[in-house]
C-alpha atoms as a PDB file:
ATOM      1  CA  MET A   1     103.591 111.723  82.391  1.00  0.00           C
ATOM      2  CA  ASN A   2     103.760 115.280  81.138  1.00  0.00           C
ATOM      3  CA  ALA A   3     107.329 116.639  81.457  1.00  0.00           C
ATOM      4  CA  LEU A   4     105.887 119.995  82.510  1.00  0.00           C
ATOM      5  CA  LEU A   5     104.785 118.383  85.768  1.00  0.00           C
ATOM      6  CA  ASP A   6     108.464 118.234  86.780  1.00  0.00           C
ATOM      7  CA  ARG A   7     108.152 122.004  87.304  1.00  0.00           C
ATOM      8  CA  ILE A   8     105.662 121.409  90.152  1.00  0.00           C
ATOM      9  CA  SER A   9     106.847 120.842  93.707  1.00  0.00           C
ATOM     10  CA  ILE A  10     104.847 119.411  96.591  1.00  0.00           C
ATOM     11  CA  ASP A  11     106.834 119.719  99.795  1.00  0.00           C
ATOM     12  CA  PRO A  12     105.249 119.646 103.261  1.00  0.00           C
ATOM     13  CA  GLN A  13     107.861 122.205 104.371  1.00  0.00           C
ATOM     14  CA  VAL A  14     106.851 124.718 101.655  1.00  0.00           C
ATOM     15  CA  CYS A  15     103.426 126.371 101.739  1.00  0.00           C
ATOM     16  CA  GLY A  16     102.019 123.544 103.832  1.00  0.00           C
ATOM     17  CA  GLY A  17     102.459 121.047 101.024  1.00  0.00           C
ATOM     18  CA  LYS A  18     100.365 122.922  98.480  1.00  0.00           C
ATOM     19  CA  PRO A  19     101.511 122.332  94.899  1.00  0.00           C
ATOM     20  CA  CYS A  20     103.843 125.186  93.906  1.00  0.00           C
ATOM     21  CA  ILE A  21     106.012 126.089  90.983  1.00  0.00           C
ATOM     22  CA  LYS A  22     109.375 124.525  91.829  1.00  0.00           C
ATOM     23  CA  GLY A  23     111.779 126.972  93.444  1.00  0.00           C
ATOM     24  CA  THR A  24     108.996 129.424  94.360  1.00  0.00           C
ATOM     25  CA  ARG A  25     106.209 129.761  96.859  1.00  0.00           C
ATOM     26  CA  ILE A  26     103.696 130.455  94.109  1.00  0.00           C
ATOM     27  CA  TRP A  27     100.781 128.047  94.364  1.00  0.00           C
ATOM     28  CA  VAL A  28      99.534 126.299  91.262  1.00  0.00           C
ATOM     29  CA  ALA A  29      96.012 127.131  92.467  1.00  0.00           C
ATOM     30  CA  LEU A  30      96.862 130.837  92.542  1.00  0.00           C
ATOM     31  CA  ILE A  31      97.973 130.749  88.909  1.00  0.00           C
ATOM     32  CA  LEU A  32      94.852 128.840  87.875  1.00  0.00           C
ATOM     33  CA  ASP A  33      92.594 131.184  89.858  1.00  0.00           C
ATOM     34  CA  PHE A  34      94.100 134.275  88.241  1.00  0.00           C
ATOM     35  CA  LEU A  35      93.777 132.791  84.747  1.00  0.00           C
ATOM     36  CA  ALA A  36      90.194 131.676  85.452  1.00  0.00           C
ATOM     37  CA  ASP A  37      89.360 135.196  86.635  1.00  0.00           C
ATOM     38  CA  GLY A  38      90.468 136.594  83.286  1.00  0.00           C
ATOM     39  CA  MET A  39      94.043 137.654  83.964  1.00  0.00           C
ATOM     40  CA  THR A  40      96.153 137.194  80.858  1.00  0.00           C
ATOM     41  CA  GLU A  41      99.391 135.271  80.921  1.00  0.00           C
ATOM     42  CA  ALA A  42     101.246 138.515  80.157  1.00  0.00           C
ATOM     43  CA  GLN A  43      99.651 140.195  83.196  1.00  0.00           C
ATOM     44  CA  LEU A  44     100.477 137.186  85.363  1.00  0.00           C
ATOM     45  CA  LEU A  45     104.117 137.176  84.259  1.00  0.00           C
ATOM     46  CA  GLU A  46     104.345 140.914  84.886  1.00  0.00           C
ATOM     47  CA  GLU A  47     102.879 140.531  88.378  1.00  0.00           C
ATOM     48  CA  TYR A  48     105.135 137.541  89.165  1.00  0.00           C
ATOM     49  CA  PRO A  49     108.394 138.083  87.237  1.00  0.00           C
ATOM     50  CA  GLN A  50     109.928 134.899  88.662  1.00  0.00           C
ATOM     51  CA  LEU A  51     107.389 132.882  86.636  1.00  0.00           C
ATOM     52  CA  THR A  52     108.026 131.801  83.066  1.00  0.00           C
ATOM     53  CA  HIS A  53     105.763 130.694  80.242  1.00  0.00           C
ATOM     54  CA  PRO A  54     106.617 127.014  80.903  1.00  0.00           C
ATOM     55  CA  ASP A  55     105.641 127.536  84.573  1.00  0.00           C
ATOM     56  CA  VAL A  56     102.190 128.716  83.506  1.00  0.00           C
ATOM     57  CA  LEU A  57     101.879 125.726  81.168  1.00  0.00           C
ATOM     58  CA  ALA A  58     102.949 123.464  84.042  1.00  0.00           C
ATOM     59  CA  ALA A  59     100.188 124.871  86.248  1.00  0.00           C
ATOM     60  CA  LEU A  60      97.653 124.191  83.497  1.00  0.00           C
ATOM     61  CA  ALA A  61      99.016 120.671  82.982  1.00  0.00           C
ATOM     62  CA  PHE A  62      98.817 120.003  86.721  1.00  0.00           C
ATOM     63  CA  GLY A  63      95.218 121.230  86.818  1.00  0.00           C
ATOM     64  CA  ALA A  64      94.361 118.998  83.867  1.00  0.00           C
ATOM     65  CA  GLU A  65      96.018 116.013  85.527  1.00  0.00           C
ATOM     66  CA  MET A  66      94.145 116.588  88.771  1.00  0.00           C
ATOM     67  CA  SER A  67      90.834 116.786  86.923  1.00  0.00           C
ATOM     68  CA  ARG A  68      91.550 113.322  85.508  1.00  0.00           C
ATOM     69  CA  GLU A  69      92.515 111.858  88.856  1.00  0.00           C
ATOM     70  CA  ARG A  70      89.842 113.166  91.172  1.00  0.00           C
ATOM     71  CA  ILE A  71      86.106 113.198  91.151  1.00  0.00           C
ATOM     72  CA  MET A  72      84.718 116.382  92.594  1.00  0.00           C
ATOM     73  CA  PRO A  73      81.034 116.371  93.427  1.00  0.00           C
ATOM     74  CA  LEU A  74      79.286 119.286  91.786  1.00  0.00           C
ATOM     75  CA  PRO A  75      76.283 120.783  93.532  1.00  0.00           C
ATOM     76  CA  LEU A  76      73.160 120.182  91.547  1.00  0.00           C
ATOM     77  CA  GLY A  77      70.598 122.886  91.254  1.00  0.00           C
ATOM     78  CA  HIS A  78      66.980 122.214  92.000  1.00  0.00           C
ATOM     79  CA  VAL A  79      65.699 119.807  89.396  1.00  0.00           C
ATOM     80  CA  ALA A  80      62.067 120.402  88.519  1.00  0.00           C
END
């Protein structure tokens, strides 16, 4: 298992059990959404000073792990 994943916390008492960066209430999904929308890591760290570079890497590692573990149906467009 990726050691970065130790930086992720899933606690039903924190943010309803959503995966967060340990010791914060910052959702992994929020970090991934911002990066996917084009925010740079530098902008993200400026906006959330409690985050560190390893936290951002942990969010990416968690997203990668989840993509290996789950099958998400993708909507298919109209096939001619």
